[in-house]
Amino acid sequence: MTQEDLATRRLAPLRTPTGLSEEATRDISAGLTALLADVFSLYLKTKNFHWHVSGPHFRDYHLMLDEQAGQIFAMTDAIAERARKLGGTTLRSIGHIARLQRSLDNDADYVEPQDMLAELRDDNGDLVQRMREMHGLCDEHRDVATASLLENWIDEGERRVWFLFETGRPDRN
């Protein structure tokens, strides 16, 4: 193989053959990439609160947030690989995540535990809503495989919202 052949091969696009239209590949992989940025953002915020939670319910909150962070992180590879399987590209850096994420960071020195739970509840709810919107896009393009993945993640997200809601409820004493 000549140097020219090698150079041409390196410049070849990262296109994967798929049965979906070019429009579907573009729209769904872009949607998955934005979703992936949100998932990484939520993962890091959940770990932030896991590391910094304090107070009388420390152990329970610490363990719950670690469990939820693990569940959130578990989605990342599947989301990125799905975008690639469709023939698209996905995230390449922390800066790329920062440009695409739709949830807000929390860099406060101290956050009350109840505020942590409420913020994560709302962020998980927002993520669930974005996944439902993504599911609609998949339905439009007849991408049942991505829609199927989203259905499981929506259920997991709804469970996280439920746990955060119930854990954050005030005592009724």
C-alpha atoms as a PDB file:
ATOM      1  CA  MET A   1       0.000   0.000   0.000  1.00  0.00           C
ATOM      2  CA  THR A   2       1.361   3.384  -0.962  1.00  0.00           C
ATOM      3  CA  GLN A   3       1.546   6.468   1.257  1.00  0.00           C
ATOM      4  CA  GLU A   4      -1.205   8.012  -0.839  1.00  0.00           C
ATOM      5  CA  ASP A   5      -3.448   4.983  -0.250  1.00  0.00           C
ATOM      6  CA  LEU A   6      -2.812   5.205   3.500  1.00  0.00           C
ATOM      7  CA  ALA A   7      -3.570   8.925   3.522  1.00  0.00           C
ATOM      8  CA  THR A   8      -6.821   8.357   1.628  1.00  0.00           C
ATOM      9  CA  ARG A   9      -7.847   5.596   4.038  1.00  0.00           C
ATOM     10  CA  ARG A  10      -7.196   7.859   7.049  1.00  0.00           C
ATOM     11  CA  LEU A  11      -9.423  10.533   5.519  1.00  0.00           C
ATOM     12  CA  ALA A  12     -12.272   8.108   4.818  1.00  0.00           C
ATOM     13  CA  PRO A  13     -15.466   9.080   6.651  1.00  0.00           C
ATOM     14  CA  LEU A  14     -16.628   7.046   9.643  1.00  0.00           C
ATOM     15  CA  ARG A  15     -19.713   5.831   7.814  1.00  0.00           C
ATOM     16  CA  THR A  16     -21.278   2.576   8.868  1.00  0.00           C
ATOM     17  CA  PRO A  17     -23.733   0.873   6.524  1.00  0.00           C
ATOM     18  CA  THR A  18     -27.268   0.910   7.914  1.00  0.00           C
ATOM     19  CA  GLY A  19     -30.764   0.256   6.657  1.00  0.00           C
ATOM     20  CA  LEU A  20     -31.920   3.690   7.805  1.00  0.00           C
ATOM     21  CA  SER A  21     -32.098   6.727   5.563  1.00  0.00           C
ATOM     22  CA  GLU A  22     -29.337   9.315   5.577  1.00  0.00           C
ATOM     23  CA  GLU A  23     -31.751  11.729   7.279  1.00  0.00           C
ATOM     24  CA  ALA A  24     -32.552   9.161   9.987  1.00  0.00           C
ATOM     25  CA  THR A  25     -28.863   8.492  10.572  1.00  0.00           C
ATOM     26  CA  ARG A  26     -28.140  12.212  10.870  1.00  0.00           C
ATOM     27  CA  ASP A  27     -31.108  13.049  13.115  1.00  0.00           C
ATOM     28  CA  ILE A  28     -30.948  10.045  15.413  1.00  0.00           C
ATOM     29  CA  SER A  29     -27.172  10.047  15.872  1.00  0.00           C
ATOM     30  CA  ALA A  30     -27.270  13.802  16.622  1.00  0.00           C
ATOM     31  CA  GLY A  31     -30.071  13.215  19.122  1.00  0.00           C
ATOM     32  CA  LEU A  32     -28.156  10.375  20.743  1.00  0.00           C
ATOM     33  CA  THR A  33     -25.034  12.525  20.998  1.00  0.00           C
ATOM     34  CA  ALA A  34     -26.954  15.315  22.735  1.00  0.00           C
ATOM     35  CA  LEU A  35     -28.561  12.727  25.006  1.00  0.00           C
ATOM     36  CA  LEU A  36     -25.127  11.310  25.787  1.00  0.00           C
ATOM     37  CA  ALA A  37     -23.895  14.771  26.808  1.00  0.00           C
ATOM     38  CA  ASP A  38     -26.881  15.060  29.162  1.00  0.00           C
ATOM     39  CA  VAL A  39     -26.218  11.600  30.595  1.00  0.00           C
ATOM     40  CA  PHE A  40     -22.553  12.384  31.289  1.00  0.00           C
ATOM     41  CA  SER A  41     -23.569  15.695  32.867  1.00  0.00           C
ATOM     42  CA  LEU A  42     -26.157  14.002  35.096  1.00  0.00           C
ATOM     43  CA  TYR A  43     -23.686  11.263  35.993  1.00  0.00           C
ATOM     44  CA  LEU A  44     -21.098  13.777  37.171  1.00  0.00           C
ATOM     45  CA  LYS A  45     -23.663  15.831  39.112  1.00  0.00           C
ATOM     46  CA  THR A  46     -24.930  12.656  40.803  1.00  0.00           C
ATOM     47  CA  LYS A  47     -21.367  11.679  41.742  1.00  0.00           C
ATOM     48  CA  ASN A  48     -20.694  15.244  42.938  1.00  0.00           C
ATOM     49  CA  PHE A  49     -23.661  15.030  45.310  1.00  0.00           C
ATOM     50  CA  HIS A  50     -22.693  11.472  46.293  1.00  0.00           C
ATOM     51  CA  TRP A  51     -19.225  12.723  47.282  1.00  0.00           C
ATOM     52  CA  HIS A  52     -20.454  15.837  49.088  1.00  0.00           C
ATOM     53  CA  VAL A  53     -23.674  14.789  50.801  1.00  0.00           C
ATOM     54  CA  SER A  54     -23.664  15.161  54.590  1.00  0.00           C
ATOM     55  CA  GLY A  55     -26.032  15.072  57.512  1.00  0.00           C
ATOM     56  CA  PRO A  56     -28.085  12.557  59.473  1.00  0.00           C
ATOM     57  CA  HIS A  57     -29.120  10.572  56.361  1.00  0.00           C
ATOM     58  CA  PHE A  58     -25.605  10.512  54.935  1.00  0.00           C
ATOM     59  CA  ARG A  59     -25.292   6.742  54.557  1.00  0.00           C
ATOM     60  CA  ASP A  60     -28.667   6.251  52.875  1.00  0.00           C
ATOM     61  CA  TYR A  61     -28.214   9.174  50.477  1.00  0.00           C
ATOM     62  CA  HIS A  62     -24.587   8.329  49.770  1.00  0.00           C
ATOM     63  CA  LEU A  63     -25.429   4.746  48.829  1.00  0.00           C
ATOM     64  CA  MET A  64     -28.533   5.657  46.816  1.00  0.00           C
ATOM     65  CA  LEU A  65     -26.676   8.305  44.813  1.00  0.00           C
ATOM     66  CA  ASP A  66     -23.821   5.905  44.102  1.00  0.00           C
ATOM     67  CA  GLU A  67     -26.293   3.296  42.857  1.00  0.00           C
ATOM     68  CA  GLN A  68     -28.030   5.855  40.661  1.00  0.00           C
ATOM     69  CA  ALA A  69     -24.739   7.165  39.288  1.00  0.00           C
ATOM     70  CA  GLY A  70     -23.746   3.634  38.316  1.00  0.00           C
ATOM     71  CA  GLN A  71     -27.036   3.127  36.517  1.00  0.00           C
ATOM     72  CA  ILE A  72     -26.649   6.424  34.659  1.00  0.00           C
ATOM     73  CA  PHE A  73     -23.046   5.688  33.670  1.00  0.00           C
ATOM     74  CA  ALA A  74     -24.076   2.249  32.385  1.00  0.00           C
ATOM     75  CA  MET A  75     -26.056   3.951  29.601  1.00  0.00           C
ATOM     76  CA  THR A  76     -23.095   5.875  28.168  1.00  0.00           C
ATOM     77  CA  ASP A  77     -21.388   3.194  26.114  1.00  0.00           C
ATOM     78  CA  ALA A  78     -24.650   1.852  24.697  1.00  0.00           C
ATOM     79  CA  ILE A  79     -25.739   5.347  23.624  1.00  0.00           C
ATOM     80  CA  ALA A  80     -22.406   6.133  21.948  1.00  0.00           C
ATOM     81  CA  GLU A  81     -22.185   2.755  20.257  1.00  0.00           C
ATOM     82  CA  ARG A  82     -25.760   3.033  18.987  1.00  0.00           C
ATOM     83  CA  ALA A  83     -24.907   6.362  17.333  1.00  0.00           C
ATOM     84  CA  ARG A  84     -21.893   4.715  15.694  1.00  0.00           C
ATOM     85  CA  LYS A  85     -23.883   1.644  14.602  1.00  0.00           C
ATOM     86  CA  LEU A  86     -26.249   3.988  12.801  1.00  0.00           C
ATOM     87  CA  GLY A  87     -23.340   5.489  10.892  1.00  0.00           C
ATOM     88  CA  GLY A  88     -23.057   8.689  12.900  1.00  0.00           C
ATOM     89  CA  THR A  89     -20.387  10.003  15.210  1.00  0.00           C
ATOM     90  CA  THR A  90     -20.614  10.918  18.857  1.00  0.00           C
ATOM     91  CA  LEU A  91     -18.852  12.787  21.661  1.00  0.00           C
ATOM     92  CA  ARG A  92     -15.134  13.352  21.425  1.00  0.00           C
ATOM     93  CA  SER A  93     -14.236  15.381  24.530  1.00  0.00           C
ATOM     94  CA  ILE A  94     -15.300  17.021  27.787  1.00  0.00           C
ATOM     95  CA  GLY A  95     -15.587  20.288  25.849  1.00  0.00           C
ATOM     96  CA  HIS A  96     -17.976  18.608  23.409  1.00  0.00           C
ATOM     97  CA  ILE A  97     -20.123  17.507  26.363  1.00  0.00           C
ATOM     98  CA  ALA A  98     -20.119  21.046  27.772  1.00  0.00           C
ATOM     99  CA  ARG A  99     -21.262  22.492  24.451  1.00  0.00           C
ATOM    100  CA  LEU A 100     -24.157  20.043  24.092  1.00  0.00           C
ATOM    101  CA  GLN A 101     -25.421  19.404  27.622  1.00  0.00           C
ATOM    102  CA  ARG A 102     -28.832  20.832  28.392  1.00  0.00           C
ATOM    103  CA  SER A 103     -28.780  20.355  32.163  1.00  0.00           C
ATOM    104  CA  LEU A 104     -27.133  22.809  34.505  1.00  0.00           C
ATOM    105  CA  ASP A 105     -24.007  22.049  36.506  1.00  0.00           C
ATOM    106  CA  ASN A 106     -23.904  22.664  40.235  1.00  0.00           C
ATOM    107  CA  ASP A 107     -20.499  23.878  41.420  1.00  0.00           C
ATOM    108  CA  ALA A 108     -21.698  25.216  44.766  1.00  0.00           C
ATOM    109  CA  ASP A 109     -19.394  24.676  47.736  1.00  0.00           C
ATOM    110  CA  TYR A 110     -22.311  23.349  49.791  1.00  0.00           C
ATOM    111  CA  VAL A 111     -25.760  22.098  48.840  1.00  0.00           C
ATOM    112  CA  GLU A 112     -28.351  21.030  51.403  1.00  0.00           C
ATOM    113  CA  PRO A 113     -29.090  17.306  51.065  1.00  0.00           C
ATOM    114  CA  GLN A 114     -32.797  17.942  50.382  1.00  0.00           C
ATOM    115  CA  ASP A 115     -31.832  20.403  47.643  1.00  0.00           C
ATOM    116  CA  MET A 116     -29.514  17.776  46.130  1.00  0.00           C
ATOM    117  CA  LEU A 117     -32.361  15.280  45.986  1.00  0.00           C
ATOM    118  CA  ALA A 118     -34.767  17.821  44.494  1.00  0.00           C
ATOM    119  CA  GLU A 119     -32.267  18.959  41.868  1.00  0.00           C
ATOM    120  CA  LEU A 120     -31.442  15.405  40.830  1.00  0.00           C
ATOM    121  CA  ARG A 121     -35.152  14.515  40.778  1.00  0.00           C
ATOM    122  CA  ASP A 122     -35.827  17.378  38.368  1.00  0.00           C
ATOM    123  CA  ASP A 123     -32.751  16.637  36.236  1.00  0.00           C
ATOM    124  CA  ASN A 124     -33.711  12.959  35.953  1.00  0.00           C
ATOM    125  CA  GLY A 125     -37.251  13.992  35.039  1.00  0.00           C
ATOM    126  CA  ASP A 126     -35.890  16.287  32.325  1.00  0.00           C
ATOM    127  CA  LEU A 127     -33.716  13.461  31.007  1.00  0.00           C
ATOM    128  CA  VAL A 128     -36.733  11.147  30.885  1.00  0.00           C
ATOM    129  CA  GLN A 129     -38.630  13.774  28.891  1.00  0.00           C
ATOM    130  CA  ARG A 130     -35.743  14.134  26.430  1.00  0.00           C
ATOM    131  CA  MET A 131     -35.621  10.357  26.027  1.00  0.00           C
ATOM    132  CA  ARG A 132     -39.363  10.328  25.267  1.00  0.00           C
ATOM    133  CA  GLU A 133     -38.797  12.994  22.611  1.00  0.00           C
ATOM    134  CA  MET A 134     -35.943  10.929  21.208  1.00  0.00           C
ATOM    135  CA  HIS A 135     -38.254   7.899  21.150  1.00  0.00           C
ATOM    136  CA  GLY A 136     -40.694   9.916  19.028  1.00  0.00           C
ATOM    137  CA  LEU A 137     -37.905  10.712  16.576  1.00  0.00           C
ATOM    138  CA  CYS A 138     -37.018   7.020  16.406  1.00  0.00           C
ATOM    139  CA  ASP A 139     -40.660   6.177  15.732  1.00  0.00           C
ATOM    140  CA  GLU A 140     -40.752   8.690  12.864  1.00  0.00           C
ATOM    141  CA  HIS A 141     -37.730   7.015  11.271  1.00  0.00           C
ATOM    142  CA  ARG A 142     -38.814   3.461  12.171  1.00  0.00           C
ATOM    143  CA  ASP A 143     -35.681   2.850  14.262  1.00  0.00           C
ATOM    144  CA  VAL A 144     -37.075   0.207  16.580  1.00  0.00           C
ATOM    145  CA  ALA A 145     -33.694  -0.797  18.023  1.00  0.00           C
ATOM    146  CA  THR A 146     -32.904   2.663  19.409  1.00  0.00           C
ATOM    147  CA  ALA A 147     -36.517   3.055  20.566  1.00  0.00           C
ATOM    148  CA  SER A 148     -36.246  -0.239  22.448  1.00  0.00           C
ATOM    149  CA  LEU A 149     -33.110   0.902  24.268  1.00  0.00           C
ATOM    150  CA  LEU A 150     -34.802   4.173  25.175  1.00  0.00           C
ATOM    151  CA  GLU A 151     -37.807   2.369  26.645  1.00  0.00           C
ATOM    152  CA  ASN A 152     -35.614   0.628  29.216  1.00  0.00           C
ATOM    153  CA  TRP A 153     -33.740   3.820  30.054  1.00  0.00           C
ATOM    154  CA  ILE A 154     -37.007   5.739  30.438  1.00  0.00           C
ATOM    155  CA  ASP A 155     -38.203   3.127  32.932  1.00  0.00           C
ATOM    156  CA  GLU A 156     -34.916   3.350  34.863  1.00  0.00           C
ATOM    157  CA  GLY A 157     -35.115   7.166  34.847  1.00  0.00           C
ATOM    158  CA  GLU A 158     -38.688   7.114  36.127  1.00  0.00           C
ATOM    159  CA  ARG A 159     -37.552   4.845  38.957  1.00  0.00           C
ATOM    160  CA  ARG A 160     -34.764   7.277  39.881  1.00  0.00           C
ATOM    161  CA  VAL A 161     -37.272  10.149  39.906  1.00  0.00           C
ATOM    162  CA  TRP A 162     -39.585   8.128  42.140  1.00  0.00           C
ATOM    163  CA  PHE A 163     -36.809   7.244  44.613  1.00  0.00           C
ATOM    164  CA  LEU A 164     -35.549  10.820  44.741  1.00  0.00           C
ATOM    165  CA  PHE A 165     -39.103  12.127  45.218  1.00  0.00           C
ATOM    166  CA  GLU A 166     -39.937   9.695  48.019  1.00  0.00           C
ATOM    167  CA  THR A 167     -36.580  10.117  49.738  1.00  0.00           C
ATOM    168  CA  GLY A 168     -36.895  13.900  49.608  1.00  0.00           C
ATOM    169  CA  ARG A 169     -40.392  14.041  51.081  1.00  0.00           C
ATOM    170  CA  PRO A 170     -40.565  15.935  54.375  1.00  0.00           C
ATOM    171  CA  ASP A 171     -41.185  14.036  57.588  1.00  0.00           C
ATOM    172  CA  ARG A 172     -44.839  14.177  58.629  1.00  0.00           C
ATOM    173  CA  ASN A 173     -44.234  14.080  62.400  1.00  0.00           C
END
